[in-house]
N, C-alpha and C. Protein backbone atom coordinates (compact mmCIF):
# COMPACT_ATOMS: atom_id res chain seq x y z
N MET A 1 8.42 -20.41 3.68
CA MET A 1 7.46 -20.19 2.61
C MET A 1 7.21 -18.69 2.48
N ARG A 2 7.20 -18.24 1.26
CA ARG A 2 6.87 -16.83 1.00
C ARG A 2 5.43 -16.74 0.54
N ILE A 3 4.76 -15.75 1.05
CA ILE A 3 3.40 -15.45 0.60
C ILE A 3 3.48 -14.14 -0.15
N HIS A 4 3.02 -14.13 -1.38
CA HIS A 4 3.09 -12.94 -2.22
C HIS A 4 1.81 -12.14 -2.05
N MET A 5 1.96 -10.95 -1.48
CA MET A 5 0.81 -10.11 -1.20
C MET A 5 1.04 -8.71 -1.73
N SER A 6 -0.05 -8.06 -2.07
CA SER A 6 -0.03 -6.65 -2.42
C SER A 6 -1.40 -6.10 -2.10
N THR A 7 -1.52 -4.79 -2.14
CA THR A 7 -2.77 -4.13 -1.82
C THR A 7 -3.15 -3.22 -2.97
N SER A 8 -4.39 -3.30 -3.38
CA SER A 8 -4.91 -2.47 -4.46
C SER A 8 -5.07 -1.03 -4.00
N ILE A 9 -4.47 -0.11 -4.72
CA ILE A 9 -4.62 1.32 -4.40
C ILE A 9 -6.08 1.73 -4.58
N ASP A 10 -6.72 1.28 -5.65
CA ASP A 10 -8.14 1.62 -5.85
C ASP A 10 -9.00 1.06 -4.73
N GLY A 11 -8.67 -0.14 -4.26
CA GLY A 11 -9.41 -0.73 -3.16
C GLY A 11 -9.29 0.08 -1.88
N LEU A 12 -8.08 0.56 -1.61
CA LEU A 12 -7.88 1.40 -0.43
C LEU A 12 -8.61 2.72 -0.56
N LEU A 13 -8.55 3.32 -1.74
CA LEU A 13 -9.23 4.61 -1.94
C LEU A 13 -10.75 4.49 -1.84
N ALA A 14 -11.28 3.31 -2.10
CA ALA A 14 -12.73 3.10 -2.02
C ALA A 14 -13.22 2.91 -0.59
N MET A 15 -12.30 2.73 0.35
CA MET A 15 -12.70 2.53 1.75
C MET A 15 -13.34 3.79 2.33
N SER A 16 -14.29 3.57 3.22
CA SER A 16 -14.86 4.70 3.96
C SER A 16 -13.80 5.22 4.93
N ASP A 17 -13.95 6.45 5.37
CA ASP A 17 -13.00 7.00 6.32
C ASP A 17 -12.97 6.19 7.61
N ALA A 18 -14.13 5.71 8.06
CA ALA A 18 -14.19 4.93 9.29
C ALA A 18 -13.40 3.63 9.16
N ARG A 19 -13.55 2.95 8.05
CA ARG A 19 -12.83 1.70 7.84
C ARG A 19 -11.33 1.96 7.68
N MET A 20 -10.99 3.03 6.94
CA MET A 20 -9.58 3.36 6.75
C MET A 20 -8.93 3.73 8.07
N LYS A 21 -9.65 4.45 8.92
CA LYS A 21 -9.09 4.85 10.22
C LYS A 21 -8.67 3.62 11.02
N LYS A 22 -9.47 2.57 11.01
CA LYS A 22 -9.12 1.34 11.72
C LYS A 22 -7.87 0.69 11.10
N MET A 23 -7.80 0.70 9.79
CA MET A 23 -6.69 0.07 9.09
C MET A 23 -5.37 0.83 9.29
N LEU A 24 -5.45 2.13 9.49
CA LEU A 24 -4.23 2.95 9.61
C LEU A 24 -3.41 2.62 10.85
N ASN A 25 -3.96 1.85 11.78
CA ASN A 25 -3.15 1.41 12.92
C ASN A 25 -2.00 0.53 12.47
N CYS A 26 -2.12 -0.05 11.28
CA CYS A 26 -1.08 -0.95 10.73
C CYS A 26 -0.15 -0.23 9.76
N VAL A 27 -0.36 1.04 9.51
CA VAL A 27 0.41 1.79 8.50
C VAL A 27 1.30 2.81 9.20
N ARG A 28 2.53 2.88 8.74
CA ARG A 28 3.48 3.88 9.27
C ARG A 28 4.21 4.55 8.10
N ASP A 29 4.53 5.81 8.30
CA ASP A 29 5.30 6.52 7.28
C ASP A 29 6.79 6.22 7.48
N GLU A 30 7.63 6.87 6.69
CA GLU A 30 9.07 6.60 6.75
C GLU A 30 9.70 6.98 8.09
N ASN A 31 9.00 7.78 8.89
CA ASN A 31 9.50 8.18 10.21
C ASN A 31 8.91 7.33 11.34
N GLY A 32 8.08 6.35 10.98
CA GLY A 32 7.46 5.49 11.99
C GLY A 32 6.16 6.02 12.56
N ASN A 33 5.63 7.09 11.99
CA ASN A 33 4.39 7.68 12.48
C ASN A 33 3.19 7.16 11.70
N HIS A 34 2.04 7.12 12.36
CA HIS A 34 0.81 6.76 11.68
C HIS A 34 0.31 7.98 10.90
N PRO A 35 0.04 7.84 9.61
CA PRO A 35 -0.48 8.98 8.85
C PRO A 35 -1.95 9.23 9.18
N THR A 36 -2.38 10.45 8.93
CA THR A 36 -3.80 10.74 9.04
C THR A 36 -4.50 10.19 7.81
N ILE A 37 -5.81 10.14 7.84
CA ILE A 37 -6.57 9.68 6.67
C ILE A 37 -6.26 10.58 5.48
N THR A 38 -6.23 11.87 5.70
CA THR A 38 -5.95 12.83 4.62
C THR A 38 -4.56 12.59 4.03
N GLU A 39 -3.56 12.41 4.88
CA GLU A 39 -2.20 12.16 4.41
C GLU A 39 -2.12 10.86 3.61
N PHE A 40 -2.79 9.82 4.11
CA PHE A 40 -2.74 8.53 3.44
C PHE A 40 -3.45 8.58 2.09
N ARG A 41 -4.62 9.23 2.04
CA ARG A 41 -5.32 9.36 0.76
C ARG A 41 -4.48 10.15 -0.24
N LYS A 42 -3.79 11.19 0.23
CA LYS A 42 -2.91 11.97 -0.65
C LYS A 42 -1.80 11.08 -1.20
N TYR A 43 -1.18 10.29 -0.33
CA TYR A 43 -0.12 9.36 -0.76
C TYR A 43 -0.66 8.37 -1.80
N LEU A 44 -1.82 7.79 -1.53
CA LEU A 44 -2.41 6.83 -2.48
C LEU A 44 -2.68 7.48 -3.82
N ASN A 45 -3.21 8.69 -3.83
CA ASN A 45 -3.48 9.38 -5.09
C ASN A 45 -2.19 9.74 -5.83
N GLU A 46 -1.14 10.05 -5.09
CA GLU A 46 0.16 10.32 -5.73
C GLU A 46 0.70 9.05 -6.39
N GLU A 47 0.58 7.92 -5.71
CA GLU A 47 1.03 6.65 -6.29
C GLU A 47 0.20 6.30 -7.52
N LYS A 48 -1.10 6.51 -7.44
CA LYS A 48 -1.99 6.23 -8.58
C LYS A 48 -1.64 7.14 -9.77
N ALA A 49 -1.31 8.40 -9.49
CA ALA A 49 -0.95 9.34 -10.56
C ALA A 49 0.33 8.91 -11.28
N LYS A 50 1.18 8.15 -10.60
CA LYS A 50 2.40 7.61 -11.21
C LYS A 50 2.10 6.39 -12.08
N GLY A 51 0.85 5.95 -12.08
CA GLY A 51 0.48 4.76 -12.84
C GLY A 51 0.54 3.49 -12.02
N HIS A 52 0.82 3.62 -10.73
CA HIS A 52 0.90 2.45 -9.86
C HIS A 52 -0.50 1.95 -9.53
N ARG A 53 -0.65 0.63 -9.47
CA ARG A 53 -1.94 0.01 -9.14
C ARG A 53 -1.91 -0.70 -7.79
N LEU A 54 -0.69 -1.08 -7.36
CA LEU A 54 -0.56 -1.91 -6.16
C LEU A 54 0.52 -1.37 -5.23
N LEU A 55 0.36 -1.66 -3.94
CA LEU A 55 1.38 -1.38 -2.95
C LEU A 55 1.91 -2.71 -2.43
N PRO A 56 3.22 -2.81 -2.20
CA PRO A 56 3.78 -4.07 -1.73
C PRO A 56 3.68 -4.21 -0.22
N VAL A 57 3.82 -5.44 0.26
CA VAL A 57 4.09 -5.63 1.68
C VAL A 57 5.57 -5.28 1.86
N PRO A 58 5.96 -4.80 3.02
CA PRO A 58 7.34 -4.32 3.20
C PRO A 58 8.42 -5.37 2.92
N GLU A 59 8.14 -6.63 3.11
CA GLU A 59 9.16 -7.66 2.96
C GLU A 59 9.49 -8.00 1.51
N CYS A 60 8.70 -7.57 0.55
CA CYS A 60 8.91 -7.94 -0.85
C CYS A 60 10.02 -7.07 -1.45
N ASP A 61 11.06 -7.73 -1.98
CA ASP A 61 12.17 -7.01 -2.58
C ASP A 61 12.21 -7.17 -4.11
N ASN A 62 11.14 -7.69 -4.69
CA ASN A 62 11.06 -7.85 -6.14
C ASN A 62 9.64 -7.53 -6.58
N PHE A 63 9.29 -6.26 -6.46
CA PHE A 63 7.90 -5.84 -6.63
C PHE A 63 7.76 -4.86 -7.78
N ASP A 64 6.74 -5.07 -8.59
CA ASP A 64 6.37 -4.14 -9.64
C ASP A 64 5.05 -3.51 -9.23
N PRO A 65 4.94 -2.18 -9.22
CA PRO A 65 3.72 -1.53 -8.73
C PRO A 65 2.50 -1.68 -9.64
N VAL A 66 2.67 -2.30 -10.78
CA VAL A 66 1.54 -2.58 -11.68
C VAL A 66 1.20 -4.06 -11.66
N LYS A 67 2.23 -4.91 -11.71
CA LYS A 67 2.01 -6.36 -11.79
C LYS A 67 1.99 -7.05 -10.43
N GLY A 68 2.62 -6.48 -9.43
CA GLY A 68 2.73 -7.10 -8.11
C GLY A 68 4.07 -7.79 -7.95
N CYS A 69 4.11 -8.79 -7.06
CA CYS A 69 5.35 -9.53 -6.79
C CYS A 69 5.77 -10.29 -8.04
N LEU A 70 7.06 -10.15 -8.38
CA LEU A 70 7.59 -10.82 -9.57
C LEU A 70 8.27 -12.13 -9.23
N GLY A 71 8.19 -12.56 -7.98
CA GLY A 71 8.76 -13.84 -7.56
C GLY A 71 10.11 -13.70 -6.92
N HIS A 72 10.55 -14.80 -6.32
CA HIS A 72 11.81 -14.83 -5.59
C HIS A 72 12.55 -16.13 -5.86
N ASP A 73 13.85 -16.08 -5.72
CA ASP A 73 14.67 -17.27 -5.98
C ASP A 73 14.56 -18.32 -4.89
N ASP A 74 14.33 -17.91 -3.67
CA ASP A 74 14.29 -18.88 -2.57
C ASP A 74 12.91 -19.40 -2.27
């Protein structure tokens, strides 16, 4: 069974630094490192500036950053 999930960029940006710091234990950059709060907020704002509203879970291979998961054949 596939579960279709995404995360709201605006929702993440609205988090307090304390709450975001706890959540960042689950986030890694392309090199496998945990980003700082400042780095993560910068990344989120860059994605938002591109018009993106959502971030995918890593397993989704059919994702639209505005609409979310577009579904899967299996």
